[in-house]
Amino acid sequence: NEPLLSVKSLQNYLDLYFTRFNTAYPLIHLPTFDANTAEPLYLLSILLLGATYSNKDAHQLAVRIHDVMRPSIFAHAGFSPRPELWTLQTILLVE
């Protein structure tokens, strides 16, 4: 029941990511991006960046979640000597 995590808010964060961040730093190819099949950590990193362009409450929520996200990336099975593209993109987005 958290308004900052509603489907509408999450869609807004995704839109903000692609209209504000990805236009300046094109790390993700929008025509081939599919939120329905994206790895959860990858999608979360995109949503968090988008949330930073939203209101103050969304920005603060994104910062709090971001602080605990990094260990999850490094502990993920996809973080290996030969990581998949999504893993590299997630690390770049979190940095």
PDB file of N, CA and C in Angstrom:
ATOM      1  N   ASN A   1       0.804  -1.201   0.000  1.00  0.00           N
ATOM      2  CA  ASN A   1       0.000   0.000   0.000  1.00  0.00           C
ATOM      3  C   ASN A   1       0.848   1.266   0.000  1.00  0.00           C
ATOM      4  N   GLU A   2       2.131   1.137  -0.278  1.00  0.00           N
ATOM      5  CA  GLU A   2       3.029   2.291  -0.309  1.00  0.00           C
ATOM      6  C   GLU A   2       2.894   3.003  -1.653  1.00  0.00           C
ATOM      7  N   PRO A   3       2.436   4.260  -1.656  1.00  0.00           N
ATOM      8  CA  PRO A   3       2.244   4.981  -2.924  1.00  0.00           C
ATOM      9  C   PRO A   3       3.533   5.125  -3.745  1.00  0.00           C
ATOM     10  N   LEU A   4       4.676   5.211  -3.073  1.00  0.00           N
ATOM     11  CA  LEU A   4       5.937   5.367  -3.805  1.00  0.00           C
ATOM     12  C   LEU A   4       6.335   4.093  -4.549  1.00  0.00           C
ATOM     13  N   LEU A   5       5.702   2.973  -4.195  1.00  0.00           N
ATOM     14  CA  LEU A   5       6.012   1.694  -4.839  1.00  0.00           C
ATOM     15  C   LEU A   5       4.824   1.138  -5.622  1.00  0.00           C
ATOM     16  N   SER A   6       3.857   1.981  -5.904  1.00  0.00           N
ATOM     17  CA  SER A   6       2.705   1.539  -6.696  1.00  0.00           C
ATOM     18  C   SER A   6       3.140   1.285  -8.138  1.00  0.00           C
ATOM     19  N   VAL A   7       2.340   0.548  -8.872  1.00  0.00           N
ATOM     20  CA  VAL A   7       2.652   0.261 -10.271  1.00  0.00           C
ATOM     21  C   VAL A   7       2.766   1.568 -11.063  1.00  0.00           C
ATOM     22  N   LYS A   8       1.890   2.499 -10.786  1.00  0.00           N
ATOM     23  CA  LYS A   8       1.924   3.791 -11.477  1.00  0.00           C
ATOM     24  C   LYS A   8       3.228   4.540 -11.183  1.00  0.00           C
ATOM     25  N   SER A   9       3.664   4.525  -9.935  1.00  0.00           N
ATOM     26  CA  SER A   9       4.920   5.191  -9.569  1.00  0.00           C
ATOM     27  C   SER A   9       6.112   4.508 -10.221  1.00  0.00           C
ATOM     28  N   LEU A  10       6.118   3.174 -10.203  1.00  0.00           N
ATOM     29  CA  LEU A  10       7.231   2.438 -10.807  1.00  0.00           C
ATOM     30  C   LEU A  10       7.305   2.707 -12.308  1.00  0.00           C
ATOM     31  N   GLN A  11       6.162   2.785 -12.963  1.00  0.00           N
ATOM     32  CA  GLN A  11       6.142   3.112 -14.391  1.00  0.00           C
ATOM     33  C   GLN A  11       6.684   4.517 -14.616  1.00  0.00           C
ATOM     34  N   ASN A  12       6.321   5.432 -13.724  1.00  0.00           N
ATOM     35  CA  ASN A  12       6.823   6.797 -13.813  1.00  0.00           C
ATOM     36  C   ASN A  12       8.346   6.826 -13.667  1.00  0.00           C
ATOM     37  N   TYR A  13       8.884   6.066 -12.717  1.00  0.00           N
ATOM     38  CA  TYR A  13      10.344   6.017 -12.525  1.00  0.00           C
ATOM     39  C   TYR A  13      11.024   5.450 -13.765  1.00  0.00           C
ATOM     40  N   LEU A  14      10.422   4.439 -14.365  1.00  0.00           N
ATOM     41  CA  LEU A  14      10.979   3.850 -15.583  1.00  0.00           C
ATOM     42  C   LEU A  14      10.982   4.884 -16.706  1.00  0.00           C
ATOM     43  N   ASP A  15       9.874   5.596 -16.847  1.00  0.00           N
ATOM     44  CA  ASP A  15       9.793   6.652 -17.868  1.00  0.00           C
ATOM     45  C   ASP A  15      10.816   7.751 -17.609  1.00  0.00           C
ATOM     46  N   LEU A  16      10.961   8.142 -16.346  1.00  0.00           N
ATOM     47  CA  LEU A  16      11.939   9.186 -16.004  1.00  0.00           C
ATOM     48  C   LEU A  16      13.361   8.733 -16.311  1.00  0.00           C
ATOM     49  N   TYR A  17      13.645   7.457 -16.053  1.00  0.00           N
ATOM     50  CA  TYR A  17      14.982   6.947 -16.376  1.00  0.00           C
ATOM     51  C   TYR A  17      15.278   7.140 -17.861  1.00  0.00           C
ATOM     52  N   PHE A  18      14.354   6.704 -18.704  1.00  0.00           N
ATOM     53  CA  PHE A  18      14.608   6.747 -20.142  1.00  0.00           C
ATOM     54  C   PHE A  18      14.528   8.154 -20.730  1.00  0.00           C
ATOM     55  N   THR A  19      13.762   9.044 -20.113  1.00  0.00           N
ATOM     56  CA  THR A  19      13.670  10.410 -20.658  1.00  0.00           C
ATOM     57  C   THR A  19      14.697  11.362 -20.067  1.00  0.00           C
ATOM     58  N   ARG A  20      15.164  11.094 -18.870  1.00  0.00           N
ATOM     59  CA  ARG A  20      16.102  12.020 -18.226  1.00  0.00           C
ATOM     60  C   ARG A  20      17.534  11.489 -18.190  1.00  0.00           C
ATOM     61  N   PHE A  21      17.704  10.257 -17.729  1.00  0.00           N
ATOM     62  CA  PHE A  21      19.064   9.722 -17.545  1.00  0.00           C
ATOM     63  C   PHE A  21      19.606   9.090 -18.820  1.00  0.00           C
ATOM     64  N   ASN A  22      18.838   8.191 -19.400  1.00  0.00           N
ATOM     65  CA  ASN A  22      19.346   7.433 -20.541  1.00  0.00           C
ATOM     66  C   ASN A  22      19.594   8.304 -21.771  1.00  0.00           C
ATOM     67  N   THR A  23      18.938   9.453 -21.856  1.00  0.00           N
ATOM     68  CA  THR A  23      19.203  10.342 -22.986  1.00  0.00           C
ATOM     69  C   THR A  23      20.577  10.991 -22.859  1.00  0.00           C
ATOM     70  N   ALA A  24      21.013  11.234 -21.624  1.00  0.00           N
ATOM     71  CA  ALA A  24      22.338  11.823 -21.397  1.00  0.00           C
ATOM     72  C   ALA A  24      23.434  10.757 -21.371  1.00  0.00           C
ATOM     73  N   TYR A  25      23.111   9.607 -20.804  1.00  0.00           N
ATOM     74  CA  TYR A  25      24.060   8.492 -20.693  1.00  0.00           C
ATOM     75  C   TYR A  25      23.396   7.242 -21.257  1.00  0.00           C
ATOM     76  N   PRO A  26      23.430   7.058 -22.560  1.00  0.00           N
ATOM     77  CA  PRO A  26      22.693   5.938 -23.191  1.00  0.00           C
ATOM     78  C   PRO A  26      23.340   4.581 -22.938  1.00  0.00           C
ATOM     79  N   LEU A  27      23.007   4.007 -21.794  1.00  0.00           N
ATOM     80  CA  LEU A  27      23.553   2.704 -21.422  1.00  0.00           C
ATOM     81  C   LEU A  27      22.636   1.555 -21.825  1.00  0.00           C
ATOM     82  N   ILE A  28      21.361   1.867 -22.049  1.00  0.00           N
ATOM     83  CA  ILE A  28      20.388   0.822 -22.342  1.00  0.00           C
ATOM     84  C   ILE A  28      19.686   1.134 -23.658  1.00  0.00           C
ATOM     85  N   HIS A  29      19.609   0.144 -24.503  1.00  0.00           N
ATOM     86  CA  HIS A  29      18.953   0.278 -25.795  1.00  0.00           C
ATOM     87  C   HIS A  29      17.452   0.102 -25.584  1.00  0.00           C
ATOM     88  N   LEU A  30      16.718   1.204 -25.612  1.00  0.00           N
ATOM     89  CA  LEU A  30      15.291   1.184 -25.295  1.00  0.00           C
ATOM     90  C   LEU A  30      14.470   0.238 -26.171  1.00  0.00           C
ATOM     91  N   PRO A  31      14.675   0.189 -27.487  1.00  0.00           N
ATOM     92  CA  PRO A  31      13.836  -0.713 -28.299  1.00  0.00           C
ATOM     93  C   PRO A  31      13.964  -2.194 -27.937  1.00  0.00           C
ATOM     94  N   THR A  32      15.080  -2.593 -27.360  1.00  0.00           N
ATOM     95  CA  THR A  32      15.247  -4.006 -27.001  1.00  0.00           C
ATOM     96  C   THR A  32      15.062  -4.263 -25.507  1.00  0.00           C
ATOM     97  N   PHE A  33      14.844  -3.210 -24.730  1.00  0.00           N
ATOM     98  CA  PHE A  33      14.634  -3.377 -23.293  1.00  0.00           C
ATOM     99  C   PHE A  33      13.218  -3.871 -23.026  1.00  0.00           C
ATOM    100  N   ASP A  34      13.093  -4.891 -22.187  1.00  0.00           N
ATOM    101  CA  ASP A  34      11.783  -5.427 -21.812  1.00  0.00           C
ATOM    102  C   ASP A  34      11.744  -5.577 -20.291  1.00  0.00           C
ATOM    103  N   ALA A  35      11.002  -4.708 -19.638  1.00  0.00           N
ATOM    104  CA  ALA A  35      10.913  -4.741 -18.178  1.00  0.00           C
ATOM    105  C   ALA A  35      10.351  -6.063 -17.662  1.00  0.00           C
ATOM    106  N   ASN A  36       9.539  -6.738 -18.467  1.00  0.00           N
ATOM    107  CA  ASN A  36       8.933  -7.999 -18.042  1.00  0.00           C
ATOM    108  C   ASN A  36       9.932  -9.147 -17.956  1.00  0.00           C
ATOM    109  N   THR A  37      11.026  -9.053 -18.693  1.00  0.00           N
ATOM    110  CA  THR A  37      12.004 -10.139 -18.686  1.00  0.00           C
ATOM    111  C   THR A  37      13.348  -9.724 -18.108  1.00  0.00           C
ATOM    112  N   ALA A  38      13.474  -8.472 -17.702  1.00  0.00           N
ATOM    113  CA  ALA A  38      14.744  -7.971 -17.158  1.00  0.00           C
ATOM    114  C   ALA A  38      15.051  -8.636 -15.820  1.00  0.00           C
ATOM    115  N   GLU A  39      16.326  -8.863 -15.577  1.00  0.00           N
ATOM    116  CA  GLU A  39      16.754  -9.384 -14.283  1.00  0.00           C
ATOM    117  C   GLU A  39      16.305  -8.401 -13.201  1.00  0.00           C
ATOM    118  N   PRO A  40      15.824  -8.881 -12.058  1.00  0.00           N
ATOM    119  CA  PRO A  40      15.298  -7.992 -11.023  1.00  0.00           C
ATOM    120  C   PRO A  40      16.282  -6.912 -10.548  1.00  0.00           C
ATOM    121  N   LEU A  41      17.540  -7.264 -10.326  1.00  0.00           N
ATOM    122  CA  LEU A  41      18.510  -6.256  -9.868  1.00  0.00           C
ATOM    123  C   LEU A  41      18.763  -5.195 -10.938  1.00  0.00           C
ATOM    124  N   TYR A  42      18.780  -5.607 -12.170  1.00  0.00           N
ATOM    125  CA  TYR A  42      18.958  -4.698 -13.305  1.00  0.00           C
ATOM    126  C   TYR A  42      17.780  -3.732 -13.378  1.00  0.00           C
ATOM    127  N   LEU A  43      16.573  -4.271 -13.311  1.00  0.00           N
ATOM    128  CA  LEU A  43      15.379  -3.438 -13.349  1.00  0.00           C
ATOM    129  C   LEU A  43      15.332  -2.500 -12.144  1.00  0.00           C
ATOM    130  N   LEU A  44      15.695  -3.003 -10.989  1.00  0.00           N
ATOM    131  CA  LEU A  44      15.709  -2.171  -9.789  1.00  0.00           C
ATOM    132  C   LEU A  44      16.680  -1.012  -9.927  1.00  0.00           C
ATOM    133  N   SER A  45      17.844  -1.243 -10.502  1.00  0.00           N
ATOM    134  CA  SER A  45      18.815  -0.159 -10.670  1.00  0.00           C
ATOM    135  C   SER A  45      18.274   0.923 -11.600  1.00  0.00           C
ATOM    136  N   ILE A  46      17.537   0.521 -12.608  1.00  0.00           N
ATOM    137  CA  ILE A  46      16.912   1.479 -13.537  1.00  0.00           C
ATOM    138  C   ILE A  46      15.824   2.273 -12.814  1.00  0.00           C
ATOM    139  N   LEU A  47      14.979   1.574 -12.077  1.00  0.00           N
ATOM    140  CA  LEU A  47      13.899   2.233 -11.354  1.00  0.00           C
ATOM    141  C   LEU A  47      14.435   3.221 -10.318  1.00  0.00           C
ATOM    142  N   LEU A  48      15.503   2.842  -9.627  1.00  0.00           N
ATOM    143  CA  LEU A  48      16.065   3.723  -8.608  1.00  0.00           C
ATOM    144  C   LEU A  48      16.631   5.003  -9.216  1.00  0.00           C
ATOM    145  N   LEU A  49      17.301   4.870 -10.347  1.00  0.00           N
ATOM    146  CA  LEU A  49      17.800   6.077 -11.016  1.00  0.00           C
ATOM    147  C   LEU A  49      16.649   6.952 -11.485  1.00  0.00           C
ATOM    148  N   GLY A  50      15.617   6.349 -12.011  1.00  0.00           N
ATOM    149  CA  GLY A  50      14.448   7.108 -12.427  1.00  0.00           C
ATOM    150  C   GLY A  50      13.792   7.807 -11.252  1.00  0.00           C
ATOM    151  N   ALA A  51      13.726   7.133 -10.114  1.00  0.00           N
ATOM    152  CA  ALA A  51      13.104   7.719  -8.920  1.00  0.00           C
ATOM    153  C   ALA A  51      13.856   8.952  -8.438  1.00  0.00           C
ATOM    154  N   THR A  52      15.151   9.004  -8.695  1.00  0.00           N
ATOM    155  CA  THR A  52      15.911  10.188  -8.262  1.00  0.00           C
ATOM    156  C   THR A  52      15.499  11.433  -9.026  1.00  0.00           C
ATOM    157  N   TYR A  53      14.844  11.269 -10.154  1.00  0.00           N
ATOM    158  CA  TYR A  53      14.349  12.404 -10.936  1.00  0.00           C
ATOM    159  C   TYR A  53      12.901  12.751 -10.578  1.00  0.00           C
ATOM    160  N   SER A  54      12.325  12.016  -9.651  1.00  0.00           N
ATOM    161  CA  SER A  54      10.937  12.244  -9.245  1.00  0.00           C
ATOM    162  C   SER A  54      10.911  13.224  -8.065  1.00  0.00           C
ATOM    163  N   ASN A  55       9.912  13.117  -7.225  1.00  0.00           N
ATOM    164  CA  ASN A  55       9.796  14.028  -6.085  1.00  0.00           C
ATOM    165  C   ASN A  55      10.789  13.673  -4.977  1.00  0.00           C
ATOM    166  N   LYS A  56      10.842  14.514  -3.959  1.00  0.00           N
ATOM    167  CA  LYS A  56      11.816  14.357  -2.878  1.00  0.00           C
ATOM    168  C   LYS A  56      11.663  13.019  -2.148  1.00  0.00           C
ATOM    169  N   ASP A  57      10.423  12.607  -1.882  1.00  0.00           N
ATOM    170  CA  ASP A  57      10.204  11.345  -1.173  1.00  0.00           C
ATOM    171  C   ASP A  57      10.688  10.150  -1.986  1.00  0.00           C
ATOM    172  N   ALA A  58      10.417  10.152  -3.275  1.00  0.00           N
ATOM    173  CA  ALA A  58      10.871   9.065  -4.143  1.00  0.00           C
ATOM    174  C   ALA A  58      12.394   9.050  -4.216  1.00  0.00           C
ATOM    175  N   HIS A  59      12.982  10.223  -4.288  1.00  0.00           N
ATOM    176  CA  HIS A  59      14.443  10.322  -4.329  1.00  0.00           C
ATOM    177  C   HIS A  59      15.053   9.735  -3.052  1.00  0.00           C
ATOM    178  N   GLN A  60      14.501  10.087  -1.905  1.00  0.00           N
ATOM    179  CA  GLN A  60      15.025   9.580  -0.636  1.00  0.00           C
ATOM    180  C   GLN A  60      14.850   8.072  -0.516  1.00  0.00           C
ATOM    181  N   LEU A  61      13.730   7.553  -0.991  1.00  0.00           N
ATOM    182  CA  LEU A  61      13.510   6.107  -0.994  1.00  0.00           C
ATOM    183  C   LEU A  61      14.555   5.414  -1.873  1.00  0.00           C
ATOM    184  N   ALA A  62      14.812   5.977  -3.033  1.00  0.00           N
ATOM    185  CA  ALA A  62      15.801   5.400  -3.948  1.00  0.00           C
ATOM    186  C   ALA A  62      17.185   5.364  -3.310  1.00  0.00           C
ATOM    187  N   VAL A  63      17.549   6.416  -2.621  1.00  0.00           N
ATOM    188  CA  VAL A  63      18.858   6.463  -1.959  1.00  0.00           C
ATOM    189  C   VAL A  63      18.950   5.393  -0.871  1.00  0.00           C
ATOM    190  N   ARG A  64      17.889   5.228  -0.099  1.00  0.00           N
ATOM    191  CA  ARG A  64      17.901   4.214   0.967  1.00  0.00           C
ATOM    192  C   ARG A  64      18.012   2.803   0.396  1.00  0.00           C
ATOM    193  N   ILE A  65      17.285   2.527  -0.664  1.00  0.00           N
ATOM    194  CA  ILE A  65      17.353   1.199  -1.282  1.00  0.00           C
ATOM    195  C   ILE A  65      18.715   0.983  -1.927  1.00  0.00           C
ATOM    196  N   HIS A  66      19.228   2.009  -2.572  1.00  0.00           N
ATOM    197  CA  HIS A  66      20.524   1.917  -3.242  1.00  0.00           C
ATOM    198  C   HIS A  66      21.617   1.512  -2.264  1.00  0.00           C
ATOM    199  N   ASP A  67      21.548   2.028  -1.053  1.00  0.00           N
ATOM    200  CA  ASP A  67      22.583   1.748  -0.059  1.00  0.00           C
ATOM    201  C   ASP A  67      22.710   0.266   0.282  1.00  0.00           C
ATOM    202  N   VAL A  68      21.636  -0.485   0.134  1.00  0.00           N
ATOM    203  CA  VAL A  68      21.689  -1.913   0.457  1.00  0.00           C
ATOM    204  C   VAL A  68      21.743  -2.794  -0.791  1.00  0.00           C
ATOM    205  N   MET A  69      21.729  -2.177  -1.948  1.00  0.00           N
ATOM    206  CA  MET A  69      21.669  -2.939  -3.196  1.00  0.00           C
ATOM    207  C   MET A  69      23.030  -3.488  -3.643  1.00  0.00           C
ATOM    208  N   ARG A  70      24.080  -2.738  -3.452  1.00  0.00           N
ATOM    209  CA  ARG A  70      25.399  -3.135  -3.943  1.00  0.00           C
ATOM    210  C   ARG A  70      25.814  -4.536  -3.492  1.00  0.00           C
ATOM    211  N   PRO A  71      25.706  -4.880  -2.200  1.00  0.00           N
ATOM    212  CA  PRO A  71      26.081  -6.248  -1.797  1.00  0.00           C
ATOM    213  C   PRO A  71      25.263  -7.321  -2.512  1.00  0.00           C
ATOM    214  N   SER A  72      24.012  -7.011  -2.828  1.00  0.00           N
ATOM    215  CA  SER A  72      23.170  -7.987  -3.539  1.00  0.00           C
ATOM    216  C   SER A  72      23.695  -8.256  -4.943  1.00  0.00           C
ATOM    217  N   ILE A  73      24.239  -7.232  -5.579  1.00  0.00           N
ATOM    218  CA  ILE A  73      24.800  -7.399  -6.926  1.00  0.00           C
ATOM    219  C   ILE A  73      26.032  -8.295  -6.874  1.00  0.00           C
ATOM    220  N   PHE A  74      26.916  -7.995  -5.936  1.00  0.00           N
ATOM    221  CA  PHE A  74      28.155  -8.758  -5.856  1.00  0.00           C
ATOM    222  C   PHE A  74      27.927 -10.196  -5.374  1.00  0.00           C
ATOM    223  N   ALA A  75      26.828 -10.440  -4.683  1.00  0.00           N
ATOM    224  CA  ALA A  75      26.515 -11.792  -4.218  1.00  0.00           C
ATOM    225  C   ALA A  75      25.727 -12.586  -5.250  1.00  0.00           C
ATOM    226  N   HIS A  76      25.230 -11.935  -6.283  1.00  0.00           N
ATOM    227  CA  HIS A  76      24.409 -12.609  -7.300  1.00  0.00           C
ATOM    228  C   HIS A  76      25.263 -13.573  -8.125  1.00  0.00           C
ATOM    229  N   ALA A  77      24.660 -14.662  -8.525  1.00  0.00           N
ATOM    230  CA  ALA A  77      25.365 -15.675  -9.326  1.00  0.00           C
ATOM    231  C   ALA A  77      25.836 -15.106 -10.664  1.00  0.00           C
ATOM    232  N   GLY A  78      25.177 -14.071 -11.164  1.00  0.00           N
ATOM    233  CA  GLY A  78      25.570 -13.454 -12.425  1.00  0.00           C
ATOM    234  C   GLY A  78      26.841 -12.639 -12.337  1.00  0.00           C
ATOM    235  N   PHE A  79      27.272 -12.329 -11.109  1.00  0.00           N
ATOM    236  CA  PHE A  79      28.520 -11.593 -10.918  1.00  0.00           C
ATOM    237  C   PHE A  79      29.651 -12.607 -10.923  1.00  0.00           C
ATOM    238  N   SER A  80      30.321 -12.692 -12.060  1.00  0.00           N
ATOM    239  CA  SER A  80      31.365 -13.694 -12.247  1.00  0.00           C
ATOM    240  C   SER A  80      32.495 -13.088 -13.080  1.00  0.00           C
ATOM    241  N   PRO A  81      33.579 -13.825 -13.280  1.00  0.00           N
ATOM    242  CA  PRO A  81      34.666 -13.290 -14.105  1.00  0.00           C
ATOM    243  C   PRO A  81      34.238 -12.952 -15.538  1.00  0.00           C
ATOM    244  N   ARG A  82      33.194 -13.602 -16.031  1.00  0.00           N
ATOM    245  CA  ARG A  82      32.649 -13.311 -17.363  1.00  0.00           C
ATOM    246  C   ARG A  82      31.173 -12.960 -17.224  1.00  0.00           C
ATOM    247  N   PRO A  83      30.879 -11.782 -16.685  1.00  0.00           N
ATOM    248  CA  PRO A  83      29.484 -11.434 -16.418  1.00  0.00           C
ATOM    249  C   PRO A  83      28.687 -11.184 -17.690  1.00  0.00           C
ATOM    250  N   GLU A  84      27.378 -11.392 -17.575  1.00  0.00           N
ATOM    251  CA  GLU A  84      26.477 -11.081 -18.669  1.00  0.00           C
ATOM    252  C   GLU A  84      26.347  -9.561 -18.780  1.00  0.00           C
ATOM    253  N   LEU A  85      25.833  -9.101 -19.907  1.00  0.00           N
ATOM    254  CA  LEU A  85      25.691  -7.666 -20.153  1.00  0.00           C
ATOM    255  C   LEU A  85      24.858  -6.985 -19.077  1.00  0.00           C
ATOM    256  N   TRP A  86      23.750  -7.600 -18.678  1.00  0.00           N
ATOM    257  CA  TRP A  86      22.886  -6.968 -17.682  1.00  0.00           C
ATOM    258  C   TRP A  86      23.634  -6.730 -16.375  1.00  0.00           C
ATOM    259  N   THR A  87      24.551  -7.646 -16.020  1.00  0.00           N
ATOM    260  CA  THR A  87      25.317  -7.486 -14.782  1.00  0.00           C
ATOM    261  C   THR A  87      26.223  -6.269 -14.879  1.00  0.00           C
ATOM    262  N   LEU A  88      26.894  -6.108 -15.999  1.00  0.00           N
ATOM    263  CA  LEU A  88      27.760  -4.944 -16.193  1.00  0.00           C
ATOM    264  C   LEU A  88      26.957  -3.658 -16.191  1.00  0.00           C
ATOM    265  N   GLN A  89      25.812  -3.660 -16.854  1.00  0.00           N
ATOM    266  CA  GLN A  89      24.959  -2.473 -16.873  1.00  0.00           C
ATOM    267  C   GLN A  89      24.458  -2.137 -15.477  1.00  0.00           C
ATOM    268  N   THR A  90      24.102  -3.140 -14.710  1.00  0.00           N
ATOM    269  CA  THR A  90      23.621  -2.908 -13.348  1.00  0.00           C
ATOM    270  C   THR A  90      24.714  -2.280 -12.499  1.00  0.00           C
ATOM    271  N   ILE A  91      25.928  -2.780 -12.606  1.00  0.00           N
ATOM    272  CA  ILE A  91      27.038  -2.217 -11.835  1.00  0.00           C
ATOM    273  C   ILE A  91      27.270  -0.766 -12.239  1.00  0.00           C
ATOM    274  N   LEU A  92      27.243  -0.479 -13.533  1.00  0.00           N
ATOM    275  CA  LEU A  92      27.425   0.905 -13.995  1.00  0.00           C
ATOM    276  C   LEU A  92      26.310   1.817 -13.477  1.00  0.00           C
ATOM    277  N   LEU A  93      25.094   1.343 -13.513  1.00  0.00           N
ATOM    278  CA  LEU A  93      23.967   2.153 -13.076  1.00  0.00           C
ATOM    279  C   LEU A  93      24.011   2.428 -11.575  1.00  0.00           C
ATOM    280  N   VAL A  94      24.484   1.464 -10.810  1.00  0.00           N
ATOM    281  CA  VAL A  94      24.561   1.655  -9.364  1.00  0.00           C
ATOM    282  C   VAL A  94      25.722   2.580  -8.987  1.00  0.00           C
ATOM    283  N   GLU A  95      26.750   2.574  -9.790  1.00  0.00           N
ATOM    284  CA  GLU A  95      27.868   3.458  -9.509  1.00  0.00           C
ATOM    285  C   GLU A  95      27.469   4.884  -9.778  1.00  0.00           C
TER     286      GLU A  95
END
